[in-house]
N, C-alpha and C. Protein backbone atom coordinates (compact mmCIF):
# COMPACT_ATOMS: atom_id res chain seq x y z
N MET A 1 1.09 -1.31 -0.15
CA MET A 1 -0.08 -0.12 -0.01
C MET A 1 0.39 0.92 -0.15
N SER A 2 0.45 2.14 -1.00
CA SER A 2 1.52 3.18 -0.59
C SER A 2 0.47 4.27 -0.32
N THR A 3 1.36 5.03 0.81
CA THR A 3 1.06 6.39 0.65
C THR A 3 1.28 7.64 -0.05
N THR A 4 0.08 8.33 -0.16
CA THR A 4 0.39 9.80 -0.66
C THR A 4 0.53 10.72 0.13
N PHE A 5 1.58 11.66 0.18
CA PHE A 5 2.01 12.82 0.63
C PHE A 5 1.11 13.84 -0.19
N LYS A 6 1.49 15.50 0.66
CA LYS A 6 1.06 16.20 -0.45
C LYS A 6 1.94 17.63 0.46
N GLY A 7 2.91 17.84 -0.30
CA GLY A 7 3.91 19.32 -0.15
C GLY A 7 3.35 20.36 0.56
N ILE A 8 3.87 20.56 1.33
CA ILE A 8 3.63 22.27 2.28
C ILE A 8 5.25 22.84 2.24
N GLY A 9 5.05 24.13 2.71
CA GLY A 9 6.65 24.70 3.14
C GLY A 9 6.19 25.54 3.87
N VAL A 10 7.63 25.03 4.75
CA VAL A 10 7.41 25.82 6.07
C VAL A 10 9.41 25.88 6.45
N GLY A 11 9.13 26.78 7.07
CA GLY A 11 10.73 27.34 7.60
C GLY A 11 11.13 26.80 8.72
N PHE A 12 13.27 26.92 8.96
CA PHE A 12 12.88 26.27 10.19
C PHE A 12 14.22 26.89 10.79
N ALA A 13 14.49 27.51 11.88
CA ALA A 13 15.67 28.22 12.31
C ALA A 13 16.82 27.33 11.63
N PRO A 14 18.05 28.10 11.26
CA PRO A 14 19.19 27.10 11.12
C PRO A 14 19.74 25.90 11.72
N ASP A 15 19.73 26.36 13.27
CA ASP A 15 20.00 25.71 14.58
C ASP A 15 19.58 24.41 14.18
N VAL A 16 17.87 24.58 13.92
CA VAL A 16 16.64 22.84 14.07
C VAL A 16 16.78 22.55 12.90
N LEU A 17 17.64 23.23 11.15
CA LEU A 17 18.24 22.59 10.33
C LEU A 17 19.07 21.73 10.30
N ASP A 18 20.52 22.52 10.84
CA ASP A 18 20.92 21.38 10.95
C ASP A 18 21.07 20.16 11.78
N ALA A 19 20.29 20.53 13.22
CA ALA A 19 19.50 19.15 14.00
C ALA A 19 19.11 18.34 13.29
N LEU A 20 18.12 18.83 12.29
CA LEU A 20 17.38 17.74 11.69
C LEU A 20 17.68 16.82 10.68
N ASP A 21 18.51 17.40 10.39
CA ASP A 21 19.49 17.09 8.39
C ASP A 21 20.32 16.41 9.65
N THR A 22 21.16 16.53 10.52
CA THR A 22 22.20 15.52 11.51
C THR A 22 20.84 14.11 11.72
N TYR A 23 20.29 14.18 11.94
CA TYR A 23 19.12 12.95 12.86
C TYR A 23 18.96 12.58 11.31
N ALA A 24 18.43 12.74 10.79
CA ALA A 24 17.89 12.24 9.25
C ALA A 24 19.00 11.43 8.37
N SER A 25 20.29 12.48 8.75
CA SER A 25 21.54 11.36 8.19
C SER A 25 21.88 10.39 8.77
N ALA A 26 22.16 10.08 9.86
CA ALA A 26 22.56 9.47 10.97
C ALA A 26 21.32 8.14 11.02
N GLN A 27 19.76 8.29 10.91
CA GLN A 27 19.53 7.10 10.67
C GLN A 27 18.83 7.11 9.38
N GLY A 28 19.40 7.30 8.15
CA GLY A 28 19.46 6.80 6.87
C GLY A 28 18.25 7.09 6.19
N VAL A 29 17.36 8.81 6.99
CA VAL A 29 15.97 8.77 6.41
C VAL A 29 16.49 10.28 5.49
N SER A 30 15.00 10.82 4.71
CA SER A 30 15.35 12.22 4.07
C SER A 30 15.06 13.38 5.34
N ARG A 31 15.27 14.04 4.95
CA ARG A 31 14.34 15.48 5.82
C ARG A 31 12.84 15.07 5.55
N ALA A 32 12.13 14.92 4.93
CA ALA A 32 10.84 15.31 5.22
C ALA A 32 10.61 13.95 5.77
N GLU A 33 11.09 12.43 6.09
CA GLU A 33 10.96 11.40 6.51
C GLU A 33 10.87 11.97 8.03
N ALA A 34 12.07 12.62 8.43
CA ALA A 34 12.30 13.09 10.07
C ALA A 34 11.79 13.98 10.27
N ILE A 35 11.03 14.92 9.18
CA ILE A 35 9.79 15.92 9.90
C ILE A 35 8.80 14.89 10.23
N ARG A 36 8.72 14.29 9.03
CA ARG A 36 7.33 13.28 9.21
C ARG A 36 7.15 12.49 10.64
N ALA A 37 8.13 12.20 11.30
CA ALA A 37 7.85 11.06 12.27
C ALA A 37 8.38 12.05 13.36
N SER A 38 8.91 13.35 13.41
CA SER A 38 8.70 14.54 14.36
C SER A 38 7.07 14.58 14.74
N VAL A 39 6.46 14.47 13.66
CA VAL A 39 5.02 15.81 13.60
C VAL A 39 4.30 14.23 13.84
N ASN A 40 4.66 13.36 13.74
CA ASN A 40 3.44 11.91 14.26
C ASN A 40 3.65 11.59 15.34
N ILE A 41 5.54 12.62 15.85
CA ILE A 41 5.24 11.92 17.60
C ILE A 41 4.92 13.26 18.26
N GLY A 42 4.85 14.43 17.94
CA GLY A 42 4.94 15.32 18.44
C GLY A 42 3.35 16.02 18.86
N LEU A 43 3.04 15.36 17.76
CA LEU A 43 1.32 16.90 17.30
C LEU A 43 0.34 15.61 18.60
N PRO A 44 0.43 14.31 18.37
CA PRO A 44 -0.39 13.79 19.50
C PRO A 44 -0.47 14.23 20.84
N MET A 45 0.99 14.42 20.93
CA MET A 45 1.30 14.97 22.37
C MET A 45 0.66 16.26 22.50
N LEU A 46 0.76 16.94 21.42
CA LEU A 46 0.50 18.82 21.78
C LEU A 46 -1.13 18.50 21.87
N ARG A 47 -1.62 17.43 21.16
CA ARG A 47 -3.51 17.62 21.46
C ARG A 47 -3.69 17.14 22.74
N LEU A 48 -3.14 16.65 23.24
CA LEU A 48 -2.95 16.35 24.66
C LEU A 48 -2.86 17.25 26.00
N GLY A 49 -1.91 18.17 25.44
CA GLY A 49 -1.43 19.53 25.80
C GLY A 49 -0.33 18.81 26.81
N ILE A 50 0.66 18.13 26.77
CA ILE A 50 1.77 17.55 27.46
C ILE A 50 3.28 18.05 26.71
N ALA A 51 3.71 18.86 27.16
CA ALA A 51 4.99 19.54 27.46
C ALA A 51 5.58 18.73 27.44
N LEU A 52 6.70 17.37 26.45
CA LEU A 52 7.53 16.71 27.31
C LEU A 52 9.36 17.75 27.47
N ASN A 53 9.46 17.60 28.62
CA ASN A 53 11.15 17.30 29.19
C ASN A 53 11.70 16.24 29.01
N GLY A 54 12.64 15.91 27.89
CA GLY A 54 13.43 15.12 26.64
C GLY A 54 14.48 14.64 27.97
N GLN A 55 15.01 15.33 28.54
CA GLN A 55 16.15 15.23 29.29
C GLN A 55 15.57 14.45 30.41
N ARG A 56 14.08 15.01 31.20
CA ARG A 56 13.84 14.33 32.38
C ARG A 56 13.39 13.17 32.32
N ALA A 57 12.84 12.97 31.37
CA ALA A 57 12.19 11.70 30.34
C ALA A 57 13.23 10.67 30.72
N LEU A 58 14.10 11.37 29.89
CA LEU A 58 14.91 10.26 29.59
C LEU A 58 15.49 9.47 30.69
N THR A 59 16.03 10.57 31.55
CA THR A 59 16.49 10.72 32.70
C THR A 59 15.63 9.63 33.90
N ILE A 60 14.31 9.67 33.98
CA ILE A 60 13.78 8.87 34.27
C ILE A 60 13.71 7.04 34.00
N LEU A 61 13.57 7.36 32.62
CA LEU A 61 13.43 6.14 31.90
C LEU A 61 14.82 5.24 32.60
N GLU A 62 16.01 6.31 32.34
CA GLU A 62 17.20 5.36 32.27
C GLU A 62 16.89 4.75 33.88
N HIS A 63 16.67 5.50 35.07
CA HIS A 63 16.91 5.14 36.16
C HIS A 63 15.96 3.95 36.75
N THR A 64 14.63 4.18 36.35
CA THR A 64 13.98 3.08 36.50
C THR A 64 14.28 1.69 35.85
N GLN A 65 14.92 2.02 34.66
CA GLN A 65 15.67 0.46 34.28
C GLN A 65 16.77 0.21 35.13
N LEU A 66 17.95 0.88 35.23
CA LEU A 66 19.08 1.12 36.51
C LEU A 66 18.53 0.15 37.86
N ALA A 67 16.95 0.79 38.44
CA ALA A 67 17.11 0.29 39.32
C ALA A 67 15.66 -1.10 39.80
N LEU A 68 15.36 -1.16 38.57
CA LEU A 68 14.98 -3.13 38.18
C LEU A 68 15.80 -3.86 37.39
N SER A 69 16.84 -3.22 36.89
CA SER A 69 18.09 -4.23 36.64
C SER A 69 18.45 -4.86 37.56
N LEU A 70 18.89 -3.67 38.54
CA LEU A 70 19.53 -4.20 39.81
C LEU A 70 18.79 -5.26 41.04
N LEU A 71 17.47 -4.85 40.48
CA LEU A 71 16.72 -6.15 41.56
C LEU A 71 16.73 -7.16 41.03
N VAL A 72 16.65 -7.15 39.91
CA VAL A 72 16.38 -8.63 38.96
C VAL A 72 17.81 -9.67 39.07
N GLU A 73 18.66 -8.16 39.05
CA GLU A 73 20.09 -9.20 38.81
C GLU A 73 20.88 -9.30 40.41
N ARG A 74 20.18 -9.24 41.34
CA ARG A 74 20.11 -9.45 43.02
C ARG A 74 19.02 -10.46 43.78
N GLN A 75 17.91 -10.65 42.81
CA GLN A 75 16.95 -11.29 43.65
C GLN A 75 16.77 -11.94 42.73
N TYR A 76 16.96 -12.55 41.12
CA TYR A 76 16.45 -13.20 40.14
C TYR A 76 18.12 -13.23 39.01
N PRO A 77 18.83 -13.96 39.92
CA PRO A 77 20.16 -13.46 38.70
C PRO A 77 19.62 -14.77 37.42
N GLU A 78 18.88 -15.52 37.13
CA GLU A 78 19.07 -16.75 36.78
C GLU A 78 17.73 -16.53 35.63
N ASP A 79 17.05 -15.27 35.77
CA ASP A 79 16.40 -14.82 34.62
C ASP A 79 16.95 -13.33 34.02
N SER A 80 18.01 -12.38 34.59
CA SER A 80 18.18 -11.75 34.67
C SER A 80 19.28 -11.75 32.66
N ASP A 81 19.83 -12.59 32.29
CA ASP A 81 20.56 -12.67 31.08
C ASP A 81 18.92 -12.94 29.75
N GLU A 82 18.19 -13.85 30.04
CA GLU A 82 17.13 -14.44 29.52
C GLU A 82 15.74 -12.87 29.33
N LEU A 83 15.84 -11.84 29.99
CA LEU A 83 15.12 -11.19 30.55
C LEU A 83 15.56 -9.48 28.75
N ILE A 84 17.09 -9.58 29.69
CA ILE A 84 17.76 -8.75 28.23
C ILE A 84 17.76 -9.17 26.77
N ARG A 85 17.55 -10.29 26.79
CA ARG A 85 17.56 -10.99 25.49
C ARG A 85 16.15 -10.72 24.99
N ALA A 86 14.99 -11.06 25.72
CA ALA A 86 13.81 -11.02 25.71
C ALA A 86 13.32 -9.35 24.91
N ALA A 87 14.29 -8.17 25.98
CA ALA A 87 14.19 -6.62 26.04
C ALA A 87 14.31 -6.35 24.51
N MET A 88 15.29 -7.24 24.10
CA MET A 88 16.51 -6.51 22.59
C MET A 88 14.97 -7.61 22.07
N ARG A 89 14.96 -8.44 22.11
CA ARG A 89 13.78 -8.89 21.00
C ARG A 89 12.49 -8.39 20.33
N ASN A 90 12.06 -7.47 21.27
CA ASN A 90 10.96 -6.44 22.11
C ASN A 90 11.18 -5.80 21.33
N VAL A 91 12.64 -4.65 21.47
CA VAL A 91 12.86 -3.41 21.08
C VAL A 91 12.91 -4.15 19.03
N ARG A 92 13.51 -5.21 18.69
CA ARG A 92 13.37 -4.81 17.28
C ARG A 92 12.26 -5.01 16.14
N GLU A 93 11.11 -6.10 17.25
CA GLU A 93 9.98 -6.39 16.32
C GLU A 93 9.48 -5.28 16.26
N HIS A 94 8.92 -4.17 17.90
CA HIS A 94 8.36 -3.47 17.88
C HIS A 94 8.65 -2.10 17.81
N HIS A 95 9.71 -1.65 17.75
CA HIS A 95 10.35 -0.13 17.50
C HIS A 95 11.36 0.13 16.44
N ALA A 96 11.52 -1.33 15.69
CA ALA A 96 12.66 -1.26 14.83
C ALA A 96 12.05 0.30 13.61
């Protein structure tokens, strides 16, 4: 199934455009695809009135992950490696 896109014009500050191009290049996608991905992620959040502090969110995620990993490694060491494999598999299957 092919998707039809309608072109629009939009301007960005030079530093934002540089960051966008850097991201697109690193991901191996076009500038347009990077913009579409950003809008697809950001617009639903804007509609909900959610303002995300990226650094805070990543810090919370990392802290939670480290705390949980420590608990599993100490209380269920025999399951630790399998949980890591399952997590990596889920990332590939659901977030690639």
